[in-house]
């Protein structure tokens, strides 16, 4: 999935520039981390669902399913495209 969506937006390859780009577009902290993990660290959604702690971002659950993370990713990517 990341390879298909990366063709829509030219994302920076540098970590700091990618974080700055996400902040300019108004992404939340957990959305920025999801984007970083997918496009910079090249992690899979399964790996993210088992290892990313969402409680530090004020989310009600500590871990989320792959489907939820996929929805978070789609929402974050739409923010990157639309704004």
PDB file of N, CA and C in Angstrom:
ATOM      1  N   UNK A   1       0.809  -1.204   0.000  1.00  0.00           N
ATOM      2  CA  UNK A   1       0.000   0.000   0.000  1.00  0.00           C
ATOM      3  C   UNK A   1       0.850   1.265   0.000  1.00  0.00           C
ATOM      4  N   UNK A   2       1.898   1.398   0.777  1.00  0.00           N
ATOM      5  CA  UNK A   2       2.667   2.635   0.752  1.00  0.00           C
ATOM      6  C   UNK A   2       3.259   2.955  -0.611  1.00  0.00           C
ATOM      7  N   UNK A   3       3.659   1.942  -1.360  1.00  0.00           N
ATOM      8  CA  UNK A   3       4.267   2.214  -2.651  1.00  0.00           C
ATOM      9  C   UNK A   3       3.270   2.819  -3.625  1.00  0.00           C
ATOM     10  N   UNK A   4       2.018   2.411  -3.537  1.00  0.00           N
ATOM     11  CA  UNK A   4       1.008   2.965  -4.439  1.00  0.00           C
ATOM     12  C   UNK A   4       0.690   4.411  -4.087  1.00  0.00           C
ATOM     13  N   UNK A   5       0.560   4.708  -2.816  1.00  0.00           N
ATOM     14  CA  UNK A   5       0.171   6.059  -2.403  1.00  0.00           C
ATOM     15  C   UNK A   5       1.312   7.060  -2.517  1.00  0.00           C
ATOM     16  N   UNK A   6       2.543   6.588  -2.451  1.00  0.00           N
ATOM     17  CA  UNK A   6       3.674   7.506  -2.529  1.00  0.00           C
ATOM     18  C   UNK A   6       3.745   8.206  -3.874  1.00  0.00           C
ATOM     19  N   UNK A   7       3.171   7.608  -4.908  1.00  0.00           N
ATOM     20  CA  UNK A   7       3.197   8.237  -6.219  1.00  0.00           C
ATOM     21  C   UNK A   7       2.254   9.447  -6.289  1.00  0.00           C
ATOM     22  N   UNK A   8       1.305   9.550  -5.378  1.00  0.00           N
ATOM     23  CA  UNK A   8       0.368  10.674  -5.382  1.00  0.00           C
ATOM     24  C   UNK A   8       0.987  11.961  -4.861  1.00  0.00           C
ATOM     25  N   UNK A   9       1.855  11.846  -3.863  1.00  0.00           N
ATOM     26  CA  UNK A   9       2.485  13.007  -3.242  1.00  0.00           C
ATOM     27  C   UNK A   9       3.981  12.749  -3.183  1.00  0.00           C
ATOM     28  N   UNK A  10       4.762  13.745  -3.522  1.00  0.00           N
ATOM     29  CA  UNK A  10       6.214  13.609  -3.432  1.00  0.00           C
ATOM     30  C   UNK A  10       6.634  13.893  -1.997  1.00  0.00           C
ATOM     31  N   UNK A  11       6.776  12.829  -1.211  1.00  0.00           N
ATOM     32  CA  UNK A  11       7.141  12.967   0.195  1.00  0.00           C
ATOM     33  C   UNK A  11       8.646  13.142   0.336  1.00  0.00           C
ATOM     34  N   UNK A  12       9.068  13.997   1.265  1.00  0.00           N
ATOM     35  CA  UNK A  12      10.506  14.161   1.490  1.00  0.00           C
ATOM     36  C   UNK A  12      11.139  12.866   1.999  1.00  0.00           C
ATOM     37  N   UNK A  13      12.389  12.638   1.651  1.00  0.00           N
ATOM     38  CA  UNK A  13      13.080  11.429   2.092  1.00  0.00           C
ATOM     39  C   UNK A  13      13.808  11.637   3.411  1.00  0.00           C
ATOM     40  N   UNK A  14      14.060  12.861   3.794  1.00  0.00           N
ATOM     41  CA  UNK A  14      14.711  13.171   5.055  1.00  0.00           C
ATOM     42  C   UNK A  14      13.674  13.139   6.181  1.00  0.00           C
ATOM     43  N   UNK A  15      14.028  12.569   7.320  1.00  0.00           N
ATOM     44  CA  UNK A  15      13.080  12.429   8.431  1.00  0.00           C
ATOM     45  C   UNK A  15      12.602  13.787   8.934  1.00  0.00           C
ATOM     46  N   UNK A  16      13.524  14.722   9.137  1.00  0.00           N
ATOM     47  CA  UNK A  16      13.151  16.035   9.667  1.00  0.00           C
ATOM     48  C   UNK A  16      12.243  16.797   8.700  1.00  0.00           C
ATOM     49  N   UNK A  17      12.539  16.706   7.423  1.00  0.00           N
ATOM     50  CA  UNK A  17      11.696  17.385   6.429  1.00  0.00           C
ATOM     51  C   UNK A  17      10.318  16.744   6.339  1.00  0.00           C
ATOM     52  N   UNK A  18      10.263  15.424   6.505  1.00  0.00           N
ATOM     53  CA  UNK A  18       8.979  14.726   6.477  1.00  0.00           C
ATOM     54  C   UNK A  18       8.121  15.116   7.671  1.00  0.00           C
ATOM     55  N   UNK A  19       8.731  15.211   8.851  1.00  0.00           N
ATOM     56  CA  UNK A  19       7.996  15.630  10.048  1.00  0.00           C
ATOM     57  C   UNK A  19       7.514  17.063   9.890  1.00  0.00           C
ATOM     58  N   UNK A  20       8.360  17.933   9.375  1.00  0.00           N
ATOM     59  CA  UNK A  20       7.980  19.330   9.154  1.00  0.00           C
ATOM     60  C   UNK A  20       6.840  19.441   8.143  1.00  0.00           C
ATOM     61  N   UNK A  21       6.901  18.659   7.072  1.00  0.00           N
ATOM     62  CA  UNK A  21       5.846  18.643   6.061  1.00  0.00           C
ATOM     63  C   UNK A  21       4.518  18.200   6.672  1.00  0.00           C
ATOM     64  N   UNK A  22       4.559  17.176   7.520  1.00  0.00           N
ATOM     65  CA  UNK A  22       3.340  16.684   8.168  1.00  0.00           C
ATOM     66  C   UNK A  22       2.764  17.722   9.126  1.00  0.00           C
ATOM     67  N   UNK A  23       3.624  18.406   9.861  1.00  0.00           N
ATOM     68  CA  UNK A  23       3.143  19.437  10.795  1.00  0.00           C
ATOM     69  C   UNK A  23       2.524  20.614  10.050  1.00  0.00           C
ATOM     70  N   UNK A  24       3.106  20.969   8.899  1.00  0.00           N
ATOM     71  CA  UNK A  24       2.541  22.050   8.086  1.00  0.00           C
ATOM     72  C   UNK A  24       1.140  21.708   7.610  1.00  0.00           C
ATOM     73  N   UNK A  25       0.899  20.438   7.358  1.00  0.00           N
ATOM     74  CA  UNK A  25      -0.405  19.989   6.877  1.00  0.00           C
ATOM     75  C   UNK A  25      -1.396  19.757   8.008  1.00  0.00           C
ATOM     76  N   UNK A  26      -0.970  19.875   9.275  1.00  0.00           N
ATOM     77  CA  UNK A  26      -1.881  19.787  10.400  1.00  0.00           C
ATOM     78  C   UNK A  26      -2.148  18.389  10.912  1.00  0.00           C
ATOM     79  N   UNK A  27      -1.202  17.478  10.776  1.00  0.00           N
ATOM     80  CA  UNK A  27      -1.386  16.115  11.262  1.00  0.00           C
ATOM     81  C   UNK A  27      -1.172  16.045  12.773  1.00  0.00           C
ATOM     82  N   UNK A  28      -1.868  15.111  13.409  1.00  0.00           N
ATOM     83  CA  UNK A  28      -1.710  14.866  14.839  1.00  0.00           C
ATOM     84  C   UNK A  28      -0.419  14.100  15.079  1.00  0.00           C
ATOM     85  N   UNK A  29      -0.045  13.958  16.343  1.00  0.00           N
ATOM     86  CA  UNK A  29       1.185  13.253  16.683  1.00  0.00           C
ATOM     87  C   UNK A  29       1.191  11.806  16.257  1.00  0.00           C
ATOM     88  N   UNK A  30       0.092  11.098  16.508  1.00  0.00           N
ATOM     89  CA  UNK A  30       0.062   9.687  16.122  1.00  0.00           C
ATOM     90  C   UNK A  30      -0.005   9.518  14.609  1.00  0.00           C
ATOM     91  N   UNK A  31      -0.604  10.467  13.913  1.00  0.00           N
ATOM     92  CA  UNK A  31      -0.640  10.398  12.448  1.00  0.00           C
ATOM     93  C   UNK A  31       0.755  10.618  11.866  1.00  0.00           C
ATOM     94  N   UNK A  32       1.510  11.529  12.465  1.00  0.00           N
ATOM     95  CA  UNK A  32       2.880  11.757  12.013  1.00  0.00           C
ATOM     96  C   UNK A  32       3.713  10.509  12.232  1.00  0.00           C
ATOM     97  N   UNK A  33       3.550   9.870  13.397  1.00  0.00           N
ATOM     98  CA  UNK A  33       4.318   8.654  13.657  1.00  0.00           C
ATOM     99  C   UNK A  33       3.945   7.529  12.696  1.00  0.00           C
ATOM    100  N   UNK A  34       2.676   7.408  12.363  1.00  0.00           N
ATOM    101  CA  UNK A  34       2.258   6.380  11.398  1.00  0.00           C
ATOM    102  C   UNK A  34       2.881   6.648  10.029  1.00  0.00           C
ATOM    103  N   UNK A  35       2.854   7.900   9.581  1.00  0.00           N
ATOM    104  CA  UNK A  35       3.455   8.256   8.298  1.00  0.00           C
ATOM    105  C   UNK A  35       4.954   7.978   8.318  1.00  0.00           C
ATOM    106  N   UNK A  36       5.629   8.335   9.411  1.00  0.00           N
ATOM    107  CA  UNK A  36       7.061   8.069   9.523  1.00  0.00           C
ATOM    108  C   UNK A  36       7.365   6.577   9.488  1.00  0.00           C
ATOM    109  N   UNK A  37       6.579   5.808  10.221  1.00  0.00           N
ATOM    110  CA  UNK A  37       6.826   4.372  10.276  1.00  0.00           C
ATOM    111  C   UNK A  37       6.588   3.707   8.923  1.00  0.00           C
ATOM    112  N   UNK A  38       5.609   4.175   8.170  1.00  0.00           N
ATOM    113  CA  UNK A  38       5.302   3.548   6.882  1.00  0.00           C
ATOM    114  C   UNK A  38       6.267   4.003   5.794  1.00  0.00           C
ATOM    115  N   UNK A  39       6.498   5.312   5.682  1.00  0.00           N
ATOM    116  CA  UNK A  39       7.242   5.827   4.538  1.00  0.00           C
ATOM    117  C   UNK A  39       8.728   6.042   4.798  1.00  0.00           C
ATOM    118  N   UNK A  40       9.146   6.215   6.041  1.00  0.00           N
ATOM    119  CA  UNK A  40      10.562   6.429   6.317  1.00  0.00           C
ATOM    120  C   UNK A  40      11.218   5.164   6.861  1.00  0.00           C
ATOM    121  N   UNK A  41      10.543   4.501   7.822  1.00  0.00           N
ATOM    122  CA  UNK A  41      11.099   3.272   8.392  1.00  0.00           C
ATOM    123  C   UNK A  41      10.687   2.027   7.621  1.00  0.00           C
ATOM    124  N   UNK A  42       9.741   2.159   6.688  1.00  0.00           N
ATOM    125  CA  UNK A  42       9.268   1.046   5.845  1.00  0.00           C
ATOM    126  C   UNK A  42       8.711  -0.116   6.677  1.00  0.00           C
ATOM    127  N   UNK A  43       7.931   0.214   7.708  1.00  0.00           N
ATOM    128  CA  UNK A  43       7.329  -0.814   8.558  1.00  0.00           C
ATOM    129  C   UNK A  43       5.958  -1.191   8.027  1.00  0.00           C
ATOM    130  N   UNK A  44       5.580  -2.429   8.256  1.00  0.00           N
ATOM    131  CA  UNK A  44       4.273  -2.906   7.807  1.00  0.00           C
ATOM    132  C   UNK A  44       3.196  -2.512   8.820  1.00  0.00           C
ATOM    133  N   UNK A  45       1.955  -2.574   8.394  1.00  0.00           N
ATOM    134  CA  UNK A  45       0.846  -2.254   9.285  1.00  0.00           C
ATOM    135  C   UNK A  45       0.748  -3.259  10.425  1.00  0.00           C
ATOM    136  N   UNK A  46       1.070  -4.520  10.158  1.00  0.00           N
ATOM    137  CA  UNK A  46       1.061  -5.526  11.222  1.00  0.00           C
ATOM    138  C   UNK A  46       2.087  -5.187  12.299  1.00  0.00           C
ATOM    139  N   UNK A  47       3.282  -4.819  11.891  1.00  0.00           N
ATOM    140  CA  UNK A  47       4.326  -4.463  12.848  1.00  0.00           C
ATOM    141  C   UNK A  47       3.917  -3.237  13.660  1.00  0.00           C
ATOM    142  N   UNK A  48       3.334  -2.254  13.002  1.00  0.00           N
ATOM    143  CA  UNK A  48       2.895  -1.042  13.696  1.00  0.00           C
ATOM    144  C   UNK A  48       1.799  -1.366  14.704  1.00  0.00           C
ATOM    145  N   UNK A  49       0.866  -2.239  14.328  1.00  0.00           N
ATOM    146  CA  UNK A  49      -0.236  -2.560  15.241  1.00  0.00           C
ATOM    147  C   UNK A  49       0.247  -3.258  16.503  1.00  0.00           C
ATOM    148  N   UNK A  50       1.335  -4.009  16.425  1.00  0.00           N
ATOM    149  CA  UNK A  50       1.854  -4.701  17.601  1.00  0.00           C
ATOM    150  C   UNK A  50       2.815  -3.860  18.424  1.00  0.00           C
ATOM    151  N   UNK A  51       3.446  -2.851  17.839  1.00  0.00           N
ATOM    152  CA  UNK A  51       4.528  -2.145  18.526  1.00  0.00           C
ATOM    153  C   UNK A  51       4.288  -0.667  18.814  1.00  0.00           C
ATOM    154  N   UNK A  52       3.343  -0.031  18.172  1.00  0.00           N
ATOM    155  CA  UNK A  52       3.147   1.402  18.391  1.00  0.00           C
ATOM    156  C   UNK A  52       2.206   1.625  19.566  1.00  0.00           C
ATOM    157  N   UNK A  53       2.644   2.427  20.517  1.00  0.00           N
ATOM    158  CA  UNK A  53       1.867   2.719  21.715  1.00  0.00           C
ATOM    159  C   UNK A  53       1.081   4.013  21.492  1.00  0.00           C
ATOM    160  N   UNK A  54      -0.239   3.893  21.386  1.00  0.00           N
ATOM    161  CA  UNK A  54      -1.092   5.051  21.115  1.00  0.00           C
ATOM    162  C   UNK A  54      -1.480   5.806  22.383  1.00  0.00           C
ATOM    163  N   UNK A  55      -1.266   5.214  23.543  1.00  0.00           N
ATOM    164  CA  UNK A  55      -1.672   5.882  24.786  1.00  0.00           C
ATOM    165  C   UNK A  55      -0.861   7.147  25.046  1.00  0.00           C
ATOM    166  N   UNK A  56       0.354   7.227  24.514  1.00  0.00           N
ATOM    167  CA  UNK A  56       1.157   8.439  24.717  1.00  0.00           C
ATOM    168  C   UNK A  56       0.638   9.628  23.909  1.00  0.00           C
ATOM    169  N   UNK A  57      -0.285   9.379  22.987  1.00  0.00           N
ATOM    170  CA  UNK A  57      -0.904  10.450  22.207  1.00  0.00           C
ATOM    171  C   UNK A  57      -2.315  10.776  22.688  1.00  0.00           C
ATOM    172  N   UNK A  58      -2.720  10.202  23.823  1.00  0.00           N
ATOM    173  CA  UNK A  58      -4.026  10.499  24.374  1.00  0.00           C
ATOM    174  C   UNK A  58      -5.157   9.685  23.777  1.00  0.00           C
ATOM    175  N   UNK A  59      -4.842   8.629  23.067  1.00  0.00           N
ATOM    176  CA  UNK A  59      -5.865   7.754  22.490  1.00  0.00           C
ATOM    177  C   UNK A  59      -6.401   6.841  23.590  1.00  0.00           C
ATOM    178  N   UNK A  60      -7.666   6.411  23.505  1.00  0.00           N
ATOM    179  CA  UNK A  60      -8.254   5.595  24.571  1.00  0.00           C
ATOM    180  C   UNK A  60      -7.666   4.191  24.689  1.00  0.00           C
ATOM    181  N   UNK A  61      -7.091   3.651  23.622  1.00  0.00           N
ATOM    182  CA  UNK A  61      -6.502   2.320  23.657  1.00  0.00           C
ATOM    183  C   UNK A  61      -4.991   2.421  23.511  1.00  0.00           C
ATOM    184  N   UNK A  62      -4.298   1.392  24.010  1.00  0.00           N
ATOM    185  CA  UNK A  62      -2.846   1.370  23.869  1.00  0.00           C
ATOM    186  C   UNK A  62      -2.443   0.860  22.491  1.00  0.00           C
ATOM    187  N   UNK A  63      -3.107  -0.182  22.009  1.00  0.00           N
ATOM    188  CA  UNK A  63      -2.822  -0.756  20.702  1.00  0.00           C
ATOM    189  C   UNK A  63      -4.097  -0.810  19.869  1.00  0.00           C
ATOM    190  N   UNK A  64      -3.930  -0.698  18.567  1.00  0.00           N
ATOM    191  CA  UNK A  64      -5.064  -0.755  17.641  1.00  0.00           C
ATOM    192  C   UNK A  64      -4.833  -1.858  16.614  1.00  0.00           C
ATOM    193  N   UNK A  65      -5.923  -2.282  15.983  1.00  0.00           N
ATOM    194  CA  UNK A  65      -5.851  -3.332  14.972  1.00  0.00           C
ATOM    195  C   UNK A  65      -5.273  -2.781  13.671  1.00  0.00           C
ATOM    196  N   UNK A  66      -4.940  -3.694  12.782  1.00  0.00           N
ATOM    197  CA  UNK A  66      -4.409  -3.310  11.476  1.00  0.00           C
ATOM    198  C   UNK A  66      -5.443  -2.492  10.713  1.00  0.00           C
ATOM    199  N   UNK A  67      -6.698  -2.867  10.827  1.00  0.00           N
ATOM    200  CA  UNK A  67      -7.759  -2.130  10.137  1.00  0.00           C
ATOM    201  C   UNK A  67      -7.852  -0.693  10.646  1.00  0.00           C
ATOM    202  N   UNK A  68      -7.768  -0.502  11.947  1.00  0.00           N
ATOM    203  CA  UNK A  68      -7.819   0.851  12.509  1.00  0.00           C
ATOM    204  C   UNK A  68      -6.620   1.671  12.070  1.00  0.00           C
ATOM    205  N   UNK A  69      -5.444   1.066  12.086  1.00  0.00           N
ATOM    206  CA  UNK A  69      -4.242   1.783  11.665  1.00  0.00           C
ATOM    207  C   UNK A  69      -4.325   2.128  10.182  1.00  0.00           C
ATOM    208  N   UNK A  70      -4.897   1.243   9.391  1.00  0.00           N
ATOM    209  CA  UNK A  70      -5.094   1.541   7.978  1.00  0.00           C
ATOM    210  C   UNK A  70      -6.027   2.740   7.813  1.00  0.00           C
ATOM    211  N   UNK A  71      -7.067   2.810   8.611  1.00  0.00           N
ATOM    212  CA  UNK A  71      -7.976   3.968   8.550  1.00  0.00           C
ATOM    213  C   UNK A  71      -7.280   5.244   9.015  1.00  0.00           C
ATOM    214  N   UNK A  72      -6.465   5.155  10.083  1.00  0.00           N
ATOM    215  CA  UNK A  72      -5.700   6.324  10.526  1.00  0.00           C
ATOM    216  C   UNK A  72      -4.754   6.785   9.418  1.00  0.00           C
ATOM    217  N   UNK A  73      -4.132   5.825   8.741  1.00  0.00           N
ATOM    218  CA  UNK A  73      -3.209   6.152   7.664  1.00  0.00           C
ATOM    219  C   UNK A  73      -3.936   6.831   6.508  1.00  0.00           C
ATOM    220  N   UNK A  74      -5.099   6.312   6.147  1.00  0.00           N
ATOM    221  CA  UNK A  74      -5.863   6.932   5.051  1.00  0.00           C
ATOM    222  C   UNK A  74      -6.269   8.355   5.402  1.00  0.00           C
ATOM    223  N   UNK A  75      -6.724   8.575   6.641  1.00  0.00           N
ATOM    224  CA  UNK A  75      -7.101   9.922   7.059  1.00  0.00           C
ATOM    225  C   UNK A  75      -5.905  10.868   7.036  1.00  0.00           C
ATOM    226  N   UNK A  76      -4.760  10.387   7.519  1.00  0.00           N
ATOM    227  CA  UNK A  76      -3.560  11.217   7.526  1.00  0.00           C
ATOM    228  C   UNK A  76      -3.104  11.525   6.102  1.00  0.00           C
ATOM    229  N   UNK A  77      -3.161  10.537   5.228  1.00  0.00           N
ATOM    230  CA  UNK A  77      -2.730  10.760   3.858  1.00  0.00           C
ATOM    231  C   UNK A  77      -3.664  11.716   3.133  1.00  0.00           C
ATOM    232  N   UNK A  78      -4.958  11.643   3.428  1.00  0.00           N
ATOM    233  CA  UNK A  78      -5.897  12.605   2.836  1.00  0.00           C
ATOM    234  C   UNK A  78      -5.593  14.021   3.291  1.00  0.00           C
ATOM    235  N   UNK A  79      -5.185  14.178   4.549  1.00  0.00           N
ATOM    236  CA  UNK A  79      -4.793  15.499   5.034  1.00  0.00           C
ATOM    237  C   UNK A  79      -3.571  15.999   4.280  1.00  0.00           C
ATOM    238  N   UNK A  80      -2.640  15.106   3.986  1.00  0.00           N
ATOM    239  CA  UNK A  80      -1.447  15.511   3.243  1.00  0.00           C
ATOM    240  C   UNK A  80      -1.789  15.955   1.814  1.00  0.00           C
ATOM    241  N   UNK A  81      -2.749  15.304   1.219  1.00  0.00           N
ATOM    242  CA  UNK A  81      -3.125  15.618  -0.159  1.00  0.00           C
ATOM    243  C   UNK A  81      -4.001  16.864  -0.243  1.00  0.00           C
ATOM    244  N   UNK A  82      -4.984  16.975   0.640  1.00  0.00           N
ATOM    245  CA  UNK A  82      -6.003  18.015   0.521  1.00  0.00           C
ATOM    246  C   UNK A  82      -5.529  19.395   0.932  1.00  0.00           C
ATOM    247  N   UNK A  83      -4.763  19.508   1.974  1.00  0.00           N
ATOM    248  CA  UNK A  83      -4.423  20.837   2.488  1.00  0.00           C
ATOM    249  C   UNK A  83      -3.250  21.443   1.780  1.00  0.00           C
TER     250      UNK A  83
END
